[in-house]
Amino acid sequence: PADRPRYLMGVGKPIDLVEAVARGIDMFDCVLPTRSGRHGQAWTWEGSINLKNARFAEDDEPLCPEIACPASSHYSKAYLHHLVKAEEILGQVLLSWHNIAFFQALTAAMRDAIAEGRFAAFRAAFKARQRIG
């Protein structure tokens, strides 16, 4: 019904959320952001990255400097890689914190795009950016 929210449970990859919104879904819940964080995975505008990979051992760049979350912008990928490889709980906490902040930023960006009548363009750009990453 048009006067009721549409809820989708258990779907959580960023591209799936964008596609669900395109189909009229209003609300989500999923454990993916924190589950991913506990396993060394971070979600970004370019897709997911696995901080367990050796290629991040010397990467001094933050995960997503544009996201207003200390875990996203104040810690290098190299430091997060170290925490994940050393199995430090702080790594899981920081990645979960980042992932939640990223999902909130994605949701806010979708809301803005809808309000401004440019959701179709946002959707296309997001899909293209995810493929490149």
N, C-alpha and C. Protein backbone atom coordinates (compact mmCIF):
# COMPACT_ATOMS: atom_id res chain seq x y z
N PRO A 1 0.82 -1.21 0.00
CA PRO A 1 0.00 0.00 0.00
C PRO A 1 0.86 1.27 0.00
N ALA A 2 0.43 2.24 -0.74
CA ALA A 2 1.20 3.49 -0.87
C ALA A 2 1.34 4.24 0.44
N ASP A 3 0.42 4.04 1.38
CA ASP A 3 0.48 4.77 2.65
C ASP A 3 1.24 4.01 3.74
N ARG A 4 1.90 2.92 3.39
CA ARG A 4 2.63 2.11 4.37
C ARG A 4 4.10 1.98 3.95
N PRO A 5 4.99 1.92 4.92
CA PRO A 5 6.40 1.70 4.58
C PRO A 5 6.63 0.28 4.07
N ARG A 6 7.61 0.14 3.24
CA ARG A 6 7.99 -1.17 2.71
C ARG A 6 9.31 -1.58 3.36
N TYR A 7 9.31 -2.73 4.01
CA TYR A 7 10.43 -3.19 4.83
C TYR A 7 11.06 -4.42 4.19
N LEU A 8 12.38 -4.43 4.13
CA LEU A 8 13.14 -5.56 3.59
C LEU A 8 14.15 -5.99 4.64
N MET A 9 14.05 -7.21 5.07
CA MET A 9 14.91 -7.70 6.15
C MET A 9 16.01 -8.61 5.58
N GLY A 10 17.22 -8.42 6.12
CA GLY A 10 18.32 -9.33 5.82
C GLY A 10 19.05 -9.07 4.52
N VAL A 11 18.75 -7.98 3.83
CA VAL A 11 19.47 -7.62 2.62
C VAL A 11 20.37 -6.46 2.98
N GLY A 12 21.67 -6.57 2.69
CA GLY A 12 22.52 -5.55 3.24
C GLY A 12 23.68 -5.04 2.43
N LYS A 13 24.04 -5.63 1.30
CA LYS A 13 25.14 -5.07 0.53
C LYS A 13 24.70 -3.71 -0.01
N PRO A 14 25.62 -2.75 -0.05
CA PRO A 14 25.23 -1.40 -0.49
C PRO A 14 24.52 -1.38 -1.85
N ILE A 15 25.01 -2.12 -2.82
CA ILE A 15 24.37 -2.11 -4.13
C ILE A 15 22.95 -2.67 -4.03
N ASP A 16 22.75 -3.66 -3.15
CA ASP A 16 21.42 -4.23 -2.96
C ASP A 16 20.46 -3.21 -2.34
N LEU A 17 20.98 -2.39 -1.43
CA LEU A 17 20.14 -1.35 -0.83
C LEU A 17 19.71 -0.32 -1.87
N VAL A 18 20.65 0.10 -2.70
CA VAL A 18 20.32 1.08 -3.74
C VAL A 18 19.28 0.49 -4.69
N GLU A 19 19.47 -0.75 -5.08
CA GLU A 19 18.52 -1.38 -6.00
C GLU A 19 17.15 -1.58 -5.33
N ALA A 20 17.15 -1.89 -4.05
CA ALA A 20 15.88 -2.05 -3.34
C ALA A 20 15.13 -0.72 -3.24
N VAL A 21 15.85 0.35 -2.97
CA VAL A 21 15.22 1.68 -2.92
C VAL A 21 14.63 2.01 -4.29
N ALA A 22 15.34 1.65 -5.35
CA ALA A 22 14.83 1.90 -6.69
C ALA A 22 13.51 1.15 -6.93
N ARG A 23 13.30 0.09 -6.19
CA ARG A 23 12.08 -0.70 -6.32
C ARG A 23 11.02 -0.36 -5.29
N GLY A 24 11.28 0.69 -4.49
CA GLY A 24 10.26 1.18 -3.57
C GLY A 24 10.41 0.78 -2.11
N ILE A 25 11.52 0.15 -1.75
CA ILE A 25 11.73 -0.24 -0.35
C ILE A 25 12.10 0.99 0.46
N ASP A 26 11.54 1.09 1.67
CA ASP A 26 11.75 2.24 2.54
C ASP A 26 12.66 1.96 3.73
N MET A 27 12.66 0.72 4.22
CA MET A 27 13.38 0.40 5.46
C MET A 27 14.12 -0.93 5.31
N PHE A 28 15.26 -1.03 6.02
CA PHE A 28 16.09 -2.23 5.99
C PHE A 28 16.60 -2.52 7.39
N ASP A 29 16.97 -3.74 7.61
CA ASP A 29 17.87 -4.06 8.71
C ASP A 29 18.65 -5.29 8.33
N CYS A 30 19.91 -5.29 8.72
CA CYS A 30 20.78 -6.39 8.36
C CYS A 30 22.02 -6.34 9.26
N VAL A 31 22.60 -7.49 9.50
CA VAL A 31 23.80 -7.58 10.33
C VAL A 31 25.08 -7.35 9.52
N LEU A 32 24.96 -7.18 8.21
CA LEU A 32 26.14 -7.14 7.35
C LEU A 32 27.20 -6.11 7.76
N PRO A 33 26.84 -4.87 8.09
CA PRO A 33 27.91 -3.92 8.43
C PRO A 33 28.79 -4.39 9.59
N THR A 34 28.18 -4.91 10.63
CA THR A 34 29.00 -5.34 11.78
C THR A 34 29.62 -6.71 11.55
N ARG A 35 28.91 -7.61 10.88
CA ARG A 35 29.50 -8.92 10.57
C ARG A 35 30.72 -8.74 9.68
N SER A 36 30.59 -7.90 8.67
CA SER A 36 31.73 -7.63 7.79
C SER A 36 32.90 -7.05 8.56
N GLY A 37 32.60 -6.09 9.43
CA GLY A 37 33.66 -5.48 10.23
C GLY A 37 34.38 -6.48 11.10
N ARG A 38 33.65 -7.41 11.66
CA ARG A 38 34.29 -8.43 12.52
C ARG A 38 35.19 -9.36 11.72
N HIS A 39 34.99 -9.41 10.41
CA HIS A 39 35.79 -10.31 9.56
C HIS A 39 36.79 -9.57 8.68
N GLY A 40 37.04 -8.29 9.01
CA GLY A 40 38.08 -7.54 8.31
C GLY A 40 37.65 -6.88 7.02
N GLN A 41 36.36 -6.80 6.76
CA GLN A 41 35.86 -6.21 5.52
C GLN A 41 35.30 -4.82 5.80
N ALA A 42 35.65 -3.89 4.91
CA ALA A 42 35.13 -2.53 5.00
C ALA A 42 34.40 -2.20 3.71
N TRP A 43 33.27 -1.51 3.83
CA TRP A 43 32.50 -1.07 2.67
C TRP A 43 32.87 0.36 2.36
N THR A 44 33.07 0.66 1.08
CA THR A 44 33.44 2.01 0.65
C THR A 44 32.61 2.38 -0.58
N TRP A 45 32.75 3.60 -1.02
CA TRP A 45 32.04 4.07 -2.22
C TRP A 45 32.48 3.30 -3.45
N GLU A 46 33.66 2.70 -3.42
CA GLU A 46 34.17 1.93 -4.55
C GLU A 46 33.93 0.44 -4.40
N GLY A 47 33.27 0.02 -3.35
CA GLY A 47 33.02 -1.39 -3.11
C GLY A 47 33.62 -1.84 -1.79
N SER A 48 33.68 -3.14 -1.59
CA SER A 48 34.22 -3.65 -0.33
C SER A 48 35.71 -3.91 -0.47
N ILE A 49 36.40 -3.78 0.65
CA ILE A 49 37.82 -4.13 0.69
C ILE A 49 38.06 -5.06 1.87
N ASN A 50 38.98 -5.96 1.69
CA ASN A 50 39.34 -6.92 2.72
C ASN A 50 40.66 -6.49 3.33
N LEU A 51 40.60 -5.97 4.56
CA LEU A 51 41.80 -5.45 5.22
C LEU A 51 42.78 -6.55 5.61
N LYS A 52 42.42 -7.81 5.42
CA LYS A 52 43.36 -8.90 5.68
C LYS A 52 44.42 -8.99 4.59
N ASN A 53 44.11 -8.45 3.41
CA ASN A 53 45.02 -8.55 2.27
C ASN A 53 46.33 -7.81 2.52
N ALA A 54 47.42 -8.43 2.13
CA ALA A 54 48.75 -7.87 2.34
C ALA A 54 48.95 -6.53 1.64
N ARG A 55 48.18 -6.26 0.59
CA ARG A 55 48.37 -5.01 -0.14
C ARG A 55 48.07 -3.78 0.71
N PHE A 56 47.38 -3.96 1.85
CA PHE A 56 47.07 -2.83 2.72
C PHE A 56 48.11 -2.62 3.82
N ALA A 57 49.11 -3.48 3.90
CA ALA A 57 50.10 -3.43 4.98
C ALA A 57 50.84 -2.10 5.05
N GLU A 58 50.99 -1.43 3.93
CA GLU A 58 51.72 -0.15 3.92
C GLU A 58 50.89 0.98 3.32
N ASP A 59 49.57 0.82 3.31
CA ASP A 59 48.67 1.82 2.73
C ASP A 59 48.31 2.86 3.80
N ASP A 60 48.87 4.04 3.66
CA ASP A 60 48.68 5.09 4.66
C ASP A 60 47.40 5.89 4.48
N GLU A 61 46.59 5.55 3.49
CA GLU A 61 45.34 6.26 3.25
C GLU A 61 44.24 5.78 4.19
N PRO A 62 43.35 6.69 4.59
CA PRO A 62 42.19 6.27 5.40
C PRO A 62 41.17 5.55 4.52
N LEU A 63 40.21 4.89 5.16
CA LEU A 63 39.18 4.16 4.42
C LEU A 63 38.33 5.09 3.56
N CYS A 64 37.73 6.08 4.18
CA CYS A 64 36.84 7.04 3.48
C CYS A 64 36.97 8.39 4.18
N PRO A 65 37.93 9.21 3.78
CA PRO A 65 38.13 10.48 4.49
C PRO A 65 36.94 11.41 4.46
N GLU A 66 36.02 11.23 3.48
CA GLU A 66 34.86 12.11 3.37
C GLU A 66 33.74 11.76 4.35
N ILE A 67 33.84 10.63 5.02
CA ILE A 67 32.82 10.24 5.99
C ILE A 67 33.21 10.77 7.36
N ALA A 68 32.27 11.43 8.01
CA ALA A 68 32.52 12.07 9.31
C ALA A 68 32.50 11.04 10.43
N CYS A 69 33.45 10.14 10.41
CA CYS A 69 33.58 9.10 11.43
C CYS A 69 35.08 8.90 11.65
N PRO A 70 35.55 8.98 12.88
CA PRO A 70 36.98 8.80 13.11
C PRO A 70 37.53 7.48 12.56
N ALA A 71 36.76 6.41 12.63
CA ALA A 71 37.23 5.13 12.11
C ALA A 71 37.40 5.18 10.60
N SER A 72 36.64 6.02 9.94
CA SER A 72 36.69 6.14 8.48
C SER A 72 37.81 7.06 8.01
N SER A 73 38.13 8.05 8.82
CA SER A 73 39.03 9.09 8.33
C SER A 73 40.32 9.29 9.14
N HIS A 74 40.41 8.74 10.33
CA HIS A 74 41.58 9.02 11.19
C HIS A 74 42.59 7.88 11.27
N TYR A 75 42.24 6.72 10.75
CA TYR A 75 43.13 5.56 10.84
C TYR A 75 43.50 5.09 9.43
N SER A 76 44.75 4.75 9.25
CA SER A 76 45.19 4.29 7.93
C SER A 76 44.76 2.84 7.70
N LYS A 77 44.68 2.49 6.43
CA LYS A 77 44.39 1.10 6.08
C LYS A 77 45.49 0.19 6.61
N ALA A 78 46.73 0.68 6.64
CA ALA A 78 47.84 -0.11 7.16
C ALA A 78 47.63 -0.44 8.65
N TYR A 79 47.20 0.55 9.42
CA TYR A 79 46.96 0.31 10.84
C TYR A 79 45.79 -0.66 11.03
N LEU A 80 44.74 -0.46 10.26
CA LEU A 80 43.59 -1.36 10.35
C LEU A 80 43.99 -2.78 9.92
N HIS A 81 44.80 -2.87 8.88
CA HIS A 81 45.32 -4.18 8.45
C HIS A 81 46.08 -4.85 9.60
N HIS A 82 46.95 -4.09 10.25
CA HIS A 82 47.70 -4.62 11.39
C HIS A 82 46.77 -5.15 12.48
N LEU A 83 45.75 -4.36 12.83
CA LEU A 83 44.82 -4.77 13.88
C LEU A 83 44.08 -6.05 13.50
N VAL A 84 43.67 -6.14 12.24
CA VAL A 84 42.94 -7.33 11.78
C VAL A 84 43.85 -8.54 11.79
N LYS A 85 45.06 -8.40 11.26
CA LYS A 85 45.99 -9.53 11.21
C LYS A 85 46.42 -9.98 12.61
N ALA A 86 46.52 -9.03 13.54
CA ALA A 86 46.91 -9.36 14.92
C ALA A 86 45.72 -9.85 15.75
N GLU A 87 44.54 -9.85 15.11
CA GLU A 87 43.30 -10.27 15.77
C GLU A 87 42.98 -9.43 17.01
N GLU A 88 43.32 -8.15 16.92
CA GLU A 88 42.99 -7.21 17.99
C GLU A 88 41.51 -6.84 17.88
N ILE A 89 40.79 -6.87 18.96
CA ILE A 89 39.37 -6.54 18.95
C ILE A 89 39.13 -5.12 18.46
N LEU A 90 40.09 -4.23 18.67
CA LEU A 90 39.94 -2.86 18.20
C LEU A 90 39.73 -2.81 16.69
N GLY A 91 40.37 -3.69 15.95
CA GLY A 91 40.17 -3.72 14.50
C GLY A 91 38.73 -4.02 14.15
N GLN A 92 38.13 -4.98 14.82
CA GLN A 92 36.74 -5.33 14.57
C GLN A 92 35.81 -4.17 14.93
N VAL A 93 36.11 -3.52 16.03
CA VAL A 93 35.29 -2.39 16.49
C VAL A 93 35.38 -1.23 15.49
N LEU A 94 36.60 -0.87 15.09
CA LEU A 94 36.77 0.26 14.17
C LEU A 94 36.13 -0.03 12.82
N LEU A 95 36.29 -1.24 12.30
CA LEU A 95 35.69 -1.56 11.00
C LEU A 95 34.17 -1.61 11.09
N SER A 96 33.63 -2.11 12.18
CA SER A 96 32.17 -2.09 12.36
C SER A 96 31.67 -0.65 12.44
N TRP A 97 32.37 0.18 13.18
CA TRP A 97 32.02 1.59 13.32
C TRP A 97 32.04 2.27 11.95
N HIS A 98 33.12 2.03 11.20
CA HIS A 98 33.22 2.60 9.85
C HIS A 98 32.06 2.12 8.98
N ASN A 99 31.81 0.81 8.97
CA ASN A 99 30.76 0.27 8.10
C ASN A 99 29.39 0.87 8.41
N ILE A 100 29.09 1.02 9.68
CA ILE A 100 27.81 1.64 10.05
C ILE A 100 27.77 3.09 9.57
N ALA A 101 28.87 3.81 9.73
CA ALA A 101 28.92 5.20 9.26
C ALA A 101 28.78 5.26 7.74
N PHE A 102 29.40 4.32 7.04
CA PHE A 102 29.27 4.30 5.58
C PHE A 102 27.82 4.05 5.18
N PHE A 103 27.18 3.08 5.80
CA PHE A 103 25.78 2.78 5.46
C PHE A 103 24.88 3.98 5.77
N GLN A 104 25.17 4.70 6.84
CA GLN A 104 24.40 5.90 7.14
C GLN A 104 24.63 6.98 6.08
N ALA A 105 25.88 7.12 5.63
CA ALA A 105 26.18 8.10 4.58
C ALA A 105 25.51 7.71 3.27
N LEU A 106 25.51 6.43 2.95
CA LEU A 106 24.84 5.95 1.75
C LEU A 106 23.34 6.24 1.81
N THR A 107 22.73 5.96 2.95
CA THR A 107 21.30 6.20 3.12
C THR A 107 20.99 7.69 3.00
N ALA A 108 21.82 8.52 3.61
CA ALA A 108 21.62 9.98 3.51
C ALA A 108 21.76 10.44 2.07
N ALA A 109 22.72 9.89 1.35
CA ALA A 109 22.91 10.27 -0.06
C ALA A 109 21.71 9.85 -0.90
N MET A 110 21.15 8.67 -0.61
CA MET A 110 19.95 8.25 -1.34
C MET A 110 18.78 9.16 -1.03
N ARG A 111 18.60 9.52 0.25
CA ARG A 111 17.51 10.42 0.62
C ARG A 111 17.63 11.75 -0.10
N ASP A 112 18.85 12.31 -0.12
CA ASP A 112 19.08 13.58 -0.81
C ASP A 112 18.76 13.46 -2.30
N ALA A 113 19.21 12.37 -2.92
CA ALA A 113 18.98 12.17 -4.35
C ALA A 113 17.48 12.06 -4.65
N ILE A 114 16.75 11.37 -3.79
CA ILE A 114 15.30 11.25 -3.98
C ILE A 114 14.64 12.62 -3.83
N ALA A 115 15.00 13.35 -2.78
CA ALA A 115 14.40 14.67 -2.53
C ALA A 115 14.68 15.65 -3.66
N GLU A 116 15.84 15.51 -4.30
CA GLU A 116 16.23 16.43 -5.37
C GLU A 116 15.83 15.91 -6.76
N GLY A 117 15.14 14.77 -6.81
CA GLY A 117 14.68 14.23 -8.09
C GLY A 117 15.78 13.69 -8.98
N ARG A 118 16.88 13.24 -8.40
CA ARG A 118 18.00 12.74 -9.19
C ARG A 118 18.43 11.33 -8.77
N PHE A 119 17.48 10.56 -8.24
CA PHE A 119 17.84 9.22 -7.77
C PHE A 119 18.33 8.32 -8.91
N ALA A 120 17.71 8.39 -10.08
CA ALA A 120 18.15 7.54 -11.19
C ALA A 120 19.62 7.80 -11.53
N ALA A 121 20.02 9.07 -11.54
CA ALA A 121 21.42 9.41 -11.83
C ALA A 121 22.33 8.93 -10.70
N PHE A 122 21.88 9.09 -9.45
CA PHE A 122 22.65 8.61 -8.30
C PHE A 122 22.86 7.09 -8.42
N ARG A 123 21.80 6.38 -8.71
CA ARG A 123 21.84 4.92 -8.83
C ARG A 123 22.85 4.50 -9.89
N ALA A 124 22.79 5.11 -11.05
CA ALA A 124 23.71 4.77 -12.14
C ALA A 124 25.16 5.07 -11.76
N ALA A 125 25.39 6.23 -11.16
CA ALA A 125 26.75 6.60 -10.75
C ALA A 125 27.27 5.67 -9.66
N PHE A 126 26.42 5.31 -8.72
CA PHE A 126 26.83 4.42 -7.64
C PHE A 126 27.21 3.05 -8.20
N LYS A 127 26.38 2.52 -9.09
CA LYS A 127 26.67 1.22 -9.69
C LYS A 127 27.98 1.25 -10.46
N ALA A 128 28.22 2.31 -11.21
CA ALA A 128 29.45 2.43 -11.98
C ALA A 128 30.66 2.51 -11.06
N ARG A 129 30.55 3.26 -10.00
CA ARG A 129 31.65 3.42 -9.04
C ARG A 129 31.95 2.10 -8.33
N GLN A 130 30.94 1.36 -7.99
CA GLN A 130 31.13 0.06 -7.34
C GLN A 130 31.84 -0.92 -8.28
N ARG A 131 31.53 -0.89 -9.56
CA ARG A 131 32.17 -1.79 -10.53
C ARG A 131 33.65 -1.46 -10.68
N ILE A 132 33.98 -0.17 -10.67
CA ILE A 132 35.37 0.25 -10.84
C ILE A 132 36.20 -0.23 -9.65
N GLY A 133 35.64 -0.09 -8.45
CA GLY A 133 36.34 -0.47 -7.23
C GLY A 133 36.59 -1.94 -7.16
